[in-house]
Amino acid sequence: MGVAERKTRERADREHRITAAARLIAEREGWSAVTIRRLADEIEYSQPVVYSHFENRDAIVTAVALEGFGELAKALRKAGQRSSDRGKAIENVAIAYLAFARQHPALYEAMFTLPTILRFADADTRPELKDGFAALASVVAPSRSDVEVATETFWAALHGLAELERSGRIRKSARDQRIALVVRGLLDS
């Protein structure tokens, strides 16, 4: 291995350590506890080393969000492939989406709530975001002419349910009925 390859690998490793530490702190204490100073202490590097990888905390949140979109897309694809029945596939994806949001609240917050430079539905949308959208579209697409609109609506419904569940503003006991209603809406329209 050459010097350049080793330095590239070491840089990637440091960036991974920074984002992993940010995720860990955020999951334990919330995003307000994630600071450059705290991250530097956590990974045992100086603050300038952290700044050499990320311009600021928002850049770290963006990197964490990108990781999250990759993980979400993988979970949704796996869920969608568990059934060849379209209705069941949509239901599986809905359940997987809500489970992801529930199991990773700080990560979900980085993906959808905190400020980032990430943009959807633009020419320069990052591949990780496109992959997440494609994972949703893959179960919506069969027999629909309005795939993008239907997928955006499906996503909006899931995101709304995830946020309302997370904040405790809707009954947990009615989750299955809400999912069934969303699925029927996609199948019937």
N, C-alpha and C. Protein backbone atom coordinates (compact mmCIF):
# COMPACT_ATOMS: atom_id res chain seq x y z
N MET A 1 0.85 -1.18 0.00
CA MET A 1 0.00 0.00 0.00
C MET A 1 0.89 1.23 0.00
N GLY A 2 0.57 2.17 -0.87
CA GLY A 2 1.36 3.39 -0.96
C GLY A 2 0.99 4.38 0.13
N VAL A 3 1.79 5.41 0.26
CA VAL A 3 1.58 6.43 1.28
C VAL A 3 0.25 7.15 1.07
N ALA A 4 -0.06 7.48 -0.18
CA ALA A 4 -1.31 8.19 -0.47
C ALA A 4 -2.53 7.35 -0.10
N GLU A 5 -2.47 6.05 -0.41
CA GLU A 5 -3.59 5.16 -0.07
C GLU A 5 -3.76 5.06 1.44
N ARG A 6 -2.64 4.96 2.15
CA ARG A 6 -2.69 4.86 3.61
C ARG A 6 -3.28 6.14 4.21
N LYS A 7 -2.86 7.30 3.71
CA LYS A 7 -3.38 8.57 4.23
C LYS A 7 -4.87 8.72 3.94
N THR A 8 -5.28 8.28 2.77
CA THR A 8 -6.71 8.33 2.43
C THR A 8 -7.51 7.43 3.36
N ARG A 9 -7.00 6.23 3.60
CA ARG A 9 -7.68 5.29 4.51
C ARG A 9 -7.73 5.84 5.93
N GLU A 10 -6.63 6.43 6.39
CA GLU A 10 -6.59 7.01 7.74
C GLU A 10 -7.55 8.18 7.87
N ARG A 11 -7.64 9.00 6.82
CA ARG A 11 -8.57 10.13 6.84
C ARG A 11 -10.01 9.63 6.92
N ALA A 12 -10.33 8.62 6.11
CA ALA A 12 -11.67 8.05 6.13
C ALA A 12 -11.98 7.45 7.50
N ASP A 13 -10.99 6.82 8.10
CA ASP A 13 -11.18 6.24 9.43
C ASP A 13 -11.45 7.32 10.47
N ARG A 14 -10.71 8.42 10.42
CA ARG A 14 -10.96 9.53 11.36
C ARG A 14 -12.35 10.11 11.16
N GLU A 15 -12.76 10.29 9.90
CA GLU A 15 -14.10 10.82 9.63
C GLU A 15 -15.17 9.88 10.17
N HIS A 16 -14.95 8.59 10.00
CA HIS A 16 -15.90 7.61 10.54
C HIS A 16 -15.94 7.70 12.07
N ARG A 17 -14.80 7.83 12.69
CA ARG A 17 -14.77 7.95 14.16
C ARG A 17 -15.52 9.19 14.62
N ILE A 18 -15.38 10.28 13.88
CA ILE A 18 -16.07 11.52 14.25
C ILE A 18 -17.58 11.33 14.13
N THR A 19 -18.04 10.80 13.00
CA THR A 19 -19.49 10.63 12.82
C THR A 19 -20.06 9.60 13.78
N ALA A 20 -19.31 8.54 14.04
CA ALA A 20 -19.77 7.52 14.99
C ALA A 20 -19.89 8.12 16.39
N ALA A 21 -18.93 8.94 16.78
CA ALA A 21 -19.00 9.59 18.09
C ALA A 21 -20.17 10.56 18.15
N ALA A 22 -20.40 11.29 17.07
CA ALA A 22 -21.53 12.22 17.03
C ALA A 22 -22.85 11.47 17.19
N ARG A 23 -22.98 10.37 16.49
CA ARG A 23 -24.21 9.57 16.60
C ARG A 23 -24.40 9.04 18.02
N LEU A 24 -23.34 8.55 18.60
CA LEU A 24 -23.42 7.99 19.94
C LEU A 24 -23.82 9.05 20.97
N ILE A 25 -23.18 10.19 20.91
CA ILE A 25 -23.51 11.28 21.84
C ILE A 25 -24.95 11.74 21.62
N ALA A 26 -25.34 11.90 20.36
CA ALA A 26 -26.70 12.37 20.05
C ALA A 26 -27.75 11.38 20.53
N GLU A 27 -27.51 10.09 20.34
CA GLU A 27 -28.47 9.09 20.79
C GLU A 27 -28.59 9.07 22.31
N ARG A 28 -27.47 9.29 23.01
CA ARG A 28 -27.49 9.27 24.47
C ARG A 28 -28.02 10.56 25.07
N GLU A 29 -27.59 11.71 24.50
CA GLU A 29 -27.84 13.00 25.16
C GLU A 29 -28.55 14.04 24.30
N GLY A 30 -28.76 13.73 23.04
CA GLY A 30 -29.39 14.70 22.14
C GLY A 30 -28.34 15.48 21.36
N TRP A 31 -28.78 16.06 20.26
CA TRP A 31 -27.86 16.77 19.38
C TRP A 31 -27.26 18.01 20.02
N SER A 32 -27.91 18.59 21.00
CA SER A 32 -27.34 19.77 21.64
C SER A 32 -26.04 19.45 22.36
N ALA A 33 -25.82 18.21 22.71
CA ALA A 33 -24.59 17.81 23.39
C ALA A 33 -23.44 17.56 22.40
N VAL A 34 -23.74 17.54 21.11
CA VAL A 34 -22.71 17.28 20.10
C VAL A 34 -22.05 18.61 19.72
N THR A 35 -20.84 18.79 20.20
CA THR A 35 -20.04 19.97 19.87
C THR A 35 -18.69 19.51 19.34
N ILE A 36 -18.01 20.40 18.66
CA ILE A 36 -16.68 20.06 18.14
C ILE A 36 -15.75 19.71 19.31
N ARG A 37 -15.81 20.47 20.37
CA ARG A 37 -14.96 20.20 21.54
C ARG A 37 -15.26 18.82 22.12
N ARG A 38 -16.53 18.51 22.27
CA ARG A 38 -16.94 17.22 22.83
C ARG A 38 -16.50 16.07 21.93
N LEU A 39 -16.64 16.25 20.63
CA LEU A 39 -16.21 15.21 19.70
C LEU A 39 -14.70 15.00 19.75
N ALA A 40 -13.97 16.09 19.80
CA ALA A 40 -12.52 15.99 19.89
C ALA A 40 -12.11 15.22 21.14
N ASP A 41 -12.74 15.53 22.25
CA ASP A 41 -12.45 14.80 23.50
C ASP A 41 -12.82 13.33 23.37
N GLU A 42 -13.97 13.07 22.78
CA GLU A 42 -14.48 11.69 22.66
C GLU A 42 -13.56 10.81 21.81
N ILE A 43 -13.05 11.35 20.72
CA ILE A 43 -12.21 10.54 19.83
C ILE A 43 -10.72 10.73 20.10
N GLU A 44 -10.41 11.55 21.08
CA GLU A 44 -9.03 11.80 21.52
C GLU A 44 -8.16 12.39 20.42
N TYR A 45 -8.71 13.38 19.74
CA TYR A 45 -7.99 14.20 18.77
C TYR A 45 -8.21 15.65 19.15
N SER A 46 -7.43 16.53 18.59
CA SER A 46 -7.60 17.96 18.87
C SER A 46 -8.75 18.51 18.04
N GLN A 47 -9.26 19.66 18.47
CA GLN A 47 -10.33 20.30 17.71
C GLN A 47 -9.89 20.64 16.28
N PRO A 48 -8.65 21.12 16.08
CA PRO A 48 -8.23 21.38 14.69
C PRO A 48 -8.28 20.14 13.79
N VAL A 49 -8.05 18.96 14.36
CA VAL A 49 -8.15 17.74 13.56
C VAL A 49 -9.60 17.53 13.12
N VAL A 50 -10.54 17.73 14.05
CA VAL A 50 -11.95 17.61 13.69
C VAL A 50 -12.30 18.62 12.61
N TYR A 51 -11.84 19.87 12.78
CA TYR A 51 -12.12 20.91 11.78
C TYR A 51 -11.44 20.63 10.44
N SER A 52 -10.37 19.86 10.44
CA SER A 52 -9.72 19.52 9.17
C SER A 52 -10.57 18.55 8.35
N HIS A 53 -11.51 17.91 9.02
CA HIS A 53 -12.41 16.97 8.34
C HIS A 53 -13.78 17.56 8.06
N PHE A 54 -14.26 18.39 8.98
CA PHE A 54 -15.60 18.96 8.86
C PHE A 54 -15.53 20.45 9.20
N GLU A 55 -16.15 21.26 8.35
CA GLU A 55 -16.11 22.71 8.53
C GLU A 55 -16.74 23.15 9.85
N ASN A 56 -17.83 22.47 10.22
CA ASN A 56 -18.55 22.84 11.44
C ASN A 56 -19.46 21.68 11.85
N ARG A 57 -20.22 21.90 12.89
CA ARG A 57 -21.12 20.85 13.39
C ARG A 57 -22.18 20.49 12.35
N ASP A 58 -22.69 21.47 11.62
CA ASP A 58 -23.69 21.18 10.59
C ASP A 58 -23.15 20.23 9.53
N ALA A 59 -21.87 20.34 9.21
CA ALA A 59 -21.25 19.42 8.25
C ALA A 59 -21.20 18.00 8.82
N ILE A 60 -20.99 17.90 10.11
CA ILE A 60 -21.00 16.57 10.76
C ILE A 60 -22.41 16.01 10.75
N VAL A 61 -23.39 16.84 11.05
CA VAL A 61 -24.79 16.40 11.00
C VAL A 61 -25.13 15.93 9.58
N THR A 62 -24.66 16.65 8.58
CA THR A 62 -24.91 16.26 7.20
C THR A 62 -24.30 14.90 6.90
N ALA A 63 -23.07 14.67 7.35
CA ALA A 63 -22.41 13.37 7.13
C ALA A 63 -23.17 12.26 7.84
N VAL A 64 -23.64 12.52 9.05
CA VAL A 64 -24.42 11.53 9.79
C VAL A 64 -25.73 11.25 9.06
N ALA A 65 -26.38 12.31 8.57
CA ALA A 65 -27.64 12.14 7.84
C ALA A 65 -27.44 11.28 6.60
N LEU A 66 -26.34 11.51 5.88
CA LEU A 66 -26.06 10.69 4.69
C LEU A 66 -25.91 9.22 5.05
N GLU A 67 -25.22 8.95 6.15
CA GLU A 67 -25.11 7.57 6.62
C GLU A 67 -26.51 7.01 6.90
N GLY A 68 -27.33 7.82 7.54
CA GLY A 68 -28.68 7.40 7.89
C GLY A 68 -29.52 7.08 6.67
N PHE A 69 -29.41 7.91 5.63
CA PHE A 69 -30.18 7.64 4.42
C PHE A 69 -29.74 6.33 3.77
N GLY A 70 -28.46 6.04 3.82
CA GLY A 70 -27.98 4.76 3.31
C GLY A 70 -28.55 3.59 4.10
N GLU A 71 -28.56 3.73 5.42
CA GLU A 71 -29.09 2.67 6.28
C GLU A 71 -30.60 2.52 6.10
N LEU A 72 -31.30 3.63 5.98
CA LEU A 72 -32.75 3.58 5.78
C LEU A 72 -33.08 2.91 4.45
N ALA A 73 -32.38 3.30 3.40
CA ALA A 73 -32.64 2.70 2.08
C ALA A 73 -32.44 1.19 2.12
N LYS A 74 -31.38 0.75 2.78
CA LYS A 74 -31.12 -0.68 2.90
C LYS A 74 -32.25 -1.39 3.64
N ALA A 75 -32.70 -0.80 4.74
CA ALA A 75 -33.79 -1.40 5.53
C ALA A 75 -35.09 -1.45 4.72
N LEU A 76 -35.37 -0.39 3.97
CA LEU A 76 -36.61 -0.35 3.18
C LEU A 76 -36.57 -1.36 2.03
N ARG A 77 -35.43 -1.45 1.37
CA ARG A 77 -35.30 -2.43 0.28
C ARG A 77 -35.50 -3.86 0.81
N LYS A 78 -34.87 -4.15 1.92
CA LYS A 78 -34.99 -5.48 2.52
C LYS A 78 -36.45 -5.76 2.88
N ALA A 79 -37.12 -4.78 3.46
CA ALA A 79 -38.52 -4.95 3.85
C ALA A 79 -39.41 -5.15 2.63
N GLY A 80 -39.17 -4.38 1.58
CA GLY A 80 -39.98 -4.48 0.37
C GLY A 80 -39.82 -5.80 -0.36
N GLN A 81 -38.67 -6.41 -0.20
CA GLN A 81 -38.39 -7.67 -0.90
C GLN A 81 -38.91 -8.89 -0.15
N ARG A 82 -39.45 -8.70 1.03
CA ARG A 82 -39.94 -9.84 1.82
C ARG A 82 -41.25 -10.41 1.31
N SER A 83 -41.91 -9.68 0.39
CA SER A 83 -43.18 -10.19 -0.14
C SER A 83 -43.33 -9.79 -1.60
N SER A 84 -43.89 -10.70 -2.38
CA SER A 84 -44.18 -10.38 -3.78
C SER A 84 -45.57 -9.75 -3.93
N ASP A 85 -46.36 -9.83 -2.86
CA ASP A 85 -47.68 -9.20 -2.86
C ASP A 85 -47.48 -7.69 -2.67
N ARG A 86 -48.01 -6.89 -3.59
CA ARG A 86 -47.78 -5.44 -3.57
C ARG A 86 -48.25 -4.80 -2.27
N GLY A 87 -49.44 -5.12 -1.83
CA GLY A 87 -49.97 -4.55 -0.60
C GLY A 87 -49.12 -4.90 0.61
N LYS A 88 -48.71 -6.15 0.68
CA LYS A 88 -47.87 -6.59 1.80
C LYS A 88 -46.49 -5.93 1.73
N ALA A 89 -45.96 -5.75 0.52
CA ALA A 89 -44.66 -5.10 0.36
C ALA A 89 -44.73 -3.64 0.83
N ILE A 90 -45.80 -2.94 0.48
CA ILE A 90 -45.98 -1.55 0.93
C ILE A 90 -46.09 -1.53 2.45
N GLU A 91 -46.87 -2.44 3.00
CA GLU A 91 -47.02 -2.52 4.46
C GLU A 91 -45.68 -2.79 5.14
N ASN A 92 -44.90 -3.72 4.59
CA ASN A 92 -43.59 -4.04 5.16
C ASN A 92 -42.67 -2.82 5.16
N VAL A 93 -42.70 -2.07 4.07
CA VAL A 93 -41.86 -0.87 3.98
C VAL A 93 -42.33 0.17 4.98
N ALA A 94 -43.62 0.35 5.10
CA ALA A 94 -44.15 1.31 6.08
C ALA A 94 -43.73 0.94 7.50
N ILE A 95 -43.85 -0.32 7.83
CA ILE A 95 -43.46 -0.79 9.17
C ILE A 95 -41.96 -0.58 9.38
N ALA A 96 -41.15 -0.89 8.37
CA ALA A 96 -39.70 -0.73 8.48
C ALA A 96 -39.32 0.74 8.64
N TYR A 97 -40.00 1.61 7.92
CA TYR A 97 -39.72 3.05 8.02
C TYR A 97 -40.01 3.55 9.43
N LEU A 98 -41.18 3.21 9.95
CA LEU A 98 -41.55 3.66 11.29
C LEU A 98 -40.65 3.05 12.35
N ALA A 99 -40.24 1.80 12.15
CA ALA A 99 -39.33 1.16 13.10
C ALA A 99 -37.97 1.85 13.09
N PHE A 100 -37.49 2.21 11.90
CA PHE A 100 -36.21 2.91 11.79
C PHE A 100 -36.27 4.24 12.54
N ALA A 101 -37.32 5.00 12.32
CA ALA A 101 -37.46 6.30 13.00
C ALA A 101 -37.53 6.13 14.51
N ARG A 102 -38.22 5.09 14.95
CA ARG A 102 -38.39 4.84 16.39
C ARG A 102 -37.08 4.35 17.03
N GLN A 103 -36.36 3.50 16.32
CA GLN A 103 -35.13 2.90 16.88
C GLN A 103 -33.93 3.83 16.81
N HIS A 104 -33.97 4.82 15.93
CA HIS A 104 -32.84 5.74 15.74
C HIS A 104 -33.32 7.19 15.79
N PRO A 105 -33.86 7.64 16.91
CA PRO A 105 -34.45 8.98 16.94
C PRO A 105 -33.47 10.10 16.63
N ALA A 106 -32.26 10.03 17.13
CA ALA A 106 -31.30 11.10 16.87
C ALA A 106 -30.84 11.08 15.42
N LEU A 107 -30.65 9.90 14.87
CA LEU A 107 -30.27 9.77 13.47
C LEU A 107 -31.39 10.31 12.58
N TYR A 108 -32.62 9.94 12.88
CA TYR A 108 -33.77 10.41 12.12
C TYR A 108 -33.87 11.94 12.20
N GLU A 109 -33.59 12.48 13.36
CA GLU A 109 -33.60 13.94 13.53
C GLU A 109 -32.54 14.58 12.64
N ALA A 110 -31.36 13.99 12.57
CA ALA A 110 -30.31 14.52 11.69
C ALA A 110 -30.75 14.47 10.23
N MET A 111 -31.43 13.42 9.87
CA MET A 111 -31.85 13.24 8.48
C MET A 111 -32.94 14.22 8.05
N PHE A 112 -33.86 14.54 8.98
CA PHE A 112 -35.05 15.28 8.56
C PHE A 112 -35.35 16.58 9.28
N THR A 113 -34.68 16.84 10.39
CA THR A 113 -35.04 18.02 11.18
C THR A 113 -33.93 19.04 11.29
N LEU A 114 -32.73 18.58 11.58
CA LEU A 114 -31.62 19.50 11.78
C LEU A 114 -31.16 20.12 10.47
N PRO A 115 -30.56 21.32 10.55
CA PRO A 115 -30.09 21.97 9.31
C PRO A 115 -28.96 21.19 8.65
N THR A 116 -29.11 20.96 7.36
CA THR A 116 -28.06 20.34 6.55
C THR A 116 -28.09 21.00 5.18
N ILE A 117 -27.11 20.68 4.38
CA ILE A 117 -27.08 21.20 3.00
C ILE A 117 -27.76 20.23 2.04
N LEU A 118 -28.32 19.16 2.54
CA LEU A 118 -28.93 18.13 1.70
C LEU A 118 -30.24 18.62 1.10
N ARG A 119 -30.41 18.38 -0.18
CA ARG A 119 -31.63 18.76 -0.88
C ARG A 119 -32.16 17.58 -1.66
N PHE A 120 -33.45 17.41 -1.62
CA PHE A 120 -34.11 16.36 -2.40
C PHE A 120 -34.67 16.98 -3.67
N ALA A 121 -34.90 16.13 -4.64
CA ALA A 121 -35.57 16.50 -5.89
C ALA A 121 -34.87 17.64 -6.62
N ASP A 122 -33.56 17.70 -6.51
CA ASP A 122 -32.75 18.66 -7.26
C ASP A 122 -31.83 17.89 -8.20
N ALA A 123 -31.27 18.59 -9.16
CA ALA A 123 -30.34 17.95 -10.08
C ALA A 123 -29.12 17.40 -9.35
N ASP A 124 -28.72 18.06 -8.26
CA ASP A 124 -27.52 17.63 -7.53
C ASP A 124 -27.84 16.85 -6.25
N THR A 125 -29.01 16.24 -6.20
CA THR A 125 -29.38 15.42 -5.04
C THR A 125 -28.38 14.29 -4.89
N ARG A 126 -27.93 14.09 -3.66
CA ARG A 126 -26.92 13.07 -3.37
C ARG A 126 -27.48 11.67 -3.63
N PRO A 127 -26.63 10.73 -4.06
CA PRO A 127 -27.08 9.37 -4.36
C PRO A 127 -27.74 8.67 -3.18
N GLU A 128 -27.25 8.93 -1.96
CA GLU A 128 -27.84 8.29 -0.78
C GLU A 128 -29.31 8.67 -0.62
N LEU A 129 -29.64 9.92 -0.93
CA LEU A 129 -31.02 10.38 -0.83
C LEU A 129 -31.87 9.79 -1.95
N LYS A 130 -31.30 9.76 -3.15
CA LYS A 130 -32.01 9.16 -4.28
C LYS A 130 -32.30 7.68 -4.03
N ASP A 131 -31.35 7.00 -3.40
CA ASP A 131 -31.52 5.58 -3.11
C ASP A 131 -32.67 5.35 -2.13
N GLY A 132 -32.77 6.21 -1.12
CA GLY A 132 -33.87 6.11 -0.17
C GLY A 132 -35.21 6.32 -0.85
N PHE A 133 -35.28 7.31 -1.72
CA PHE A 133 -36.51 7.58 -2.45
C PHE A 133 -36.83 6.40 -3.37
N ALA A 134 -35.81 5.87 -4.02
CA ALA A 134 -36.02 4.73 -4.93
C ALA A 134 -36.53 3.50 -4.17
N ALA A 135 -36.06 3.33 -2.93
CA ALA A 135 -36.52 2.19 -2.13
C ALA A 135 -38.01 2.32 -1.84
N LEU A 136 -38.47 3.53 -1.58
CA LEU A 136 -39.91 3.74 -1.38
C LEU A 136 -40.66 3.56 -2.70
N ALA A 137 -40.11 4.13 -3.77
CA ALA A 137 -40.78 4.07 -5.08
C ALA A 137 -40.90 2.63 -5.59
N SER A 138 -39.96 1.78 -5.20
CA SER A 138 -39.99 0.41 -5.72
C SER A 138 -41.25 -0.35 -5.31
N VAL A 139 -41.83 -0.01 -4.17
CA VAL A 139 -43.06 -0.70 -3.77
C VAL A 139 -44.30 0.06 -4.22
N VAL A 140 -44.12 1.34 -4.51
CA VAL A 140 -45.25 2.17 -4.96
C VAL A 140 -45.46 2.00 -6.46
N ALA A 141 -44.37 1.83 -7.20
CA ALA A 141 -44.37 1.91 -8.66
C ALA A 141 -45.30 0.95 -9.39
N PRO A 142 -45.38 -0.31 -9.03
CA PRO A 142 -46.20 -1.20 -9.86
C PRO A 142 -47.62 -0.67 -10.06
N SER A 143 -47.98 -0.60 -11.30
CA SER A 143 -49.33 -0.21 -11.74
C SER A 143 -49.71 1.23 -11.37
N ARG A 144 -48.74 2.12 -11.27
CA ARG A 144 -49.05 3.54 -11.00
C ARG A 144 -48.41 4.37 -12.09
N SER A 145 -49.14 5.34 -12.60
CA SER A 145 -48.57 6.25 -13.59
C SER A 145 -47.97 7.48 -12.91
N ASP A 146 -48.37 7.75 -11.68
CA ASP A 146 -47.90 8.93 -10.94
C ASP A 146 -46.90 8.54 -9.84
N VAL A 147 -45.89 7.78 -10.21
CA VAL A 147 -44.98 7.17 -9.23
C VAL A 147 -44.34 8.21 -8.32
N GLU A 148 -43.82 9.30 -8.89
CA GLU A 148 -43.13 10.29 -8.05
C GLU A 148 -44.07 10.94 -7.06
N VAL A 149 -45.24 11.35 -7.51
CA VAL A 149 -46.21 12.00 -6.61
C VAL A 149 -46.69 11.00 -5.56
N ALA A 150 -46.99 9.79 -5.98
CA ALA A 150 -47.46 8.78 -5.03
C ALA A 150 -46.37 8.44 -4.01
N THR A 151 -45.12 8.37 -4.47
CA THR A 151 -44.02 8.07 -3.55
C THR A 151 -43.81 9.21 -2.57
N GLU A 152 -43.86 10.44 -3.06
CA GLU A 152 -43.73 11.60 -2.16
C GLU A 152 -44.86 11.62 -1.12
N THR A 153 -46.05 11.27 -1.54
CA THR A 153 -47.18 11.24 -0.62
C THR A 153 -47.03 10.12 0.40
N PHE A 154 -46.59 8.96 -0.04
CA PHE A 154 -46.32 7.84 0.86
C PHE A 154 -45.27 8.25 1.89
N TRP A 155 -44.19 8.84 1.41
CA TRP A 155 -43.11 9.28 2.28
C TRP A 155 -43.62 10.33 3.28
N ALA A 156 -44.39 11.28 2.79
CA ALA A 156 -44.93 12.33 3.67
C ALA A 156 -45.82 11.73 4.75
N ALA A 157 -46.63 10.77 4.37
CA ALA A 157 -47.49 10.11 5.36
C ALA A 157 -46.65 9.37 6.41
N LEU A 158 -45.63 8.65 5.96
CA LEU A 158 -44.78 7.92 6.90
C LEU A 158 -44.01 8.87 7.80
N HIS A 159 -43.49 9.94 7.22
CA HIS A 159 -42.74 10.91 8.02
C HIS A 159 -43.66 11.57 9.05
N GLY A 160 -44.84 11.93 8.63
CA GLY A 160 -45.79 12.53 9.58
C GLY A 160 -46.13 11.57 10.71
N LEU A 161 -46.38 10.32 10.36
CA LEU A 161 -46.66 9.32 11.40
C LEU A 161 -45.47 9.14 12.32
N ALA A 162 -44.27 9.09 11.75
CA ALA A 162 -43.06 8.91 12.57
C ALA A 162 -42.90 10.07 13.55
N GLU A 163 -43.09 11.28 13.07
CA GLU A 163 -42.93 12.46 13.94
C GLU A 163 -44.02 12.51 15.02
N LEU A 164 -45.24 12.19 14.64
CA LEU A 164 -46.32 12.22 15.61
C LEU A 164 -46.16 11.11 16.65
N GLU A 165 -45.70 9.95 16.22
CA GLU A 165 -45.43 8.87 17.17
C GLU A 165 -44.29 9.26 18.10
N ARG A 166 -43.23 9.82 17.52
CA ARG A 166 -42.04 10.19 18.30
C ARG A 166 -42.38 11.21 19.38
N SER A 167 -43.28 12.12 19.06
CA SER A 167 -43.64 13.16 20.03
C SER A 167 -44.77 12.72 20.96
N GLY A 168 -45.29 11.51 20.75
CA GLY A 168 -46.35 10.99 21.62
C GLY A 168 -47.69 11.65 21.39
N ARG A 169 -47.91 12.20 20.21
CA ARG A 169 -49.15 12.93 19.94
C ARG A 169 -50.25 12.08 19.32
N ILE A 170 -49.93 10.84 18.99
CA ILE A 170 -50.97 9.93 18.50
C ILE A 170 -50.86 8.61 19.26
N ARG A 171 -51.95 7.87 19.26
CA ARG A 171 -52.02 6.62 20.03
C ARG A 171 -51.15 5.53 19.39
N LYS A 172 -50.30 4.94 20.19
CA LYS A 172 -49.48 3.82 19.71
C LYS A 172 -50.36 2.63 19.33
N SER A 173 -51.45 2.49 20.04
CA SER A 173 -52.33 1.33 19.82
C SER A 173 -52.99 1.32 18.44
N ALA A 174 -53.00 2.45 17.75
CA ALA A 174 -53.66 2.52 16.44
C ALA A 174 -52.66 2.49 15.28
N ARG A 175 -51.39 2.18 15.54
CA ARG A 175 -50.37 2.17 14.49
C ARG A 175 -50.76 1.24 13.35
N ASP A 176 -51.18 0.02 13.65
CA ASP A 176 -51.51 -0.94 12.59
C ASP A 176 -52.66 -0.43 11.71
N GLN A 177 -53.66 0.19 12.35
CA GLN A 177 -54.79 0.72 11.55
C GLN A 177 -54.33 1.87 10.65
N ARG A 178 -53.43 2.71 11.17
CA ARG A 178 -52.94 3.83 10.34
C ARG A 178 -52.14 3.30 9.15
N ILE A 179 -51.30 2.32 9.40
CA ILE A 179 -50.51 1.74 8.31
C ILE A 179 -51.43 1.11 7.27
N ALA A 180 -52.44 0.38 7.72
CA ALA A 180 -53.40 -0.24 6.80
C ALA A 180 -54.11 0.82 5.96
N LEU A 181 -54.44 1.94 6.55
CA LEU A 181 -55.11 3.02 5.83
C LEU A 181 -54.18 3.62 4.76
N VAL A 182 -52.94 3.83 5.10
CA VAL A 182 -51.97 4.36 4.13
C VAL A 182 -51.80 3.37 2.97
N VAL A 183 -51.68 2.09 3.28
CA VAL A 183 -51.52 1.07 2.24
C VAL A 183 -52.74 1.05 1.33
N ARG A 184 -53.93 1.05 1.93
CA ARG A 184 -55.16 1.05 1.11
C ARG A 184 -55.21 2.27 0.22
N GLY A 185 -54.79 3.41 0.74
CA GLY A 185 -54.78 4.64 -0.06
C GLY A 185 -53.91 4.52 -1.30
N LEU A 186 -52.78 3.87 -1.16
CA LEU A 186 -51.89 3.67 -2.31
C LEU A 186 -52.44 2.64 -3.29
N LEU A 187 -53.08 1.62 -2.76
CA LEU A 187 -53.61 0.56 -3.63
C LEU A 187 -54.88 0.97 -4.35
N ASP A 188 -55.70 1.76 -3.67
CA ASP A 188 -57.01 2.11 -4.22
C ASP A 188 -56.99 3.28 -5.19
N SER A 189 -55.98 4.09 -5.14
CA SER A 189 -56.00 5.29 -5.99
C SER A 189 -55.43 5.05 -7.37
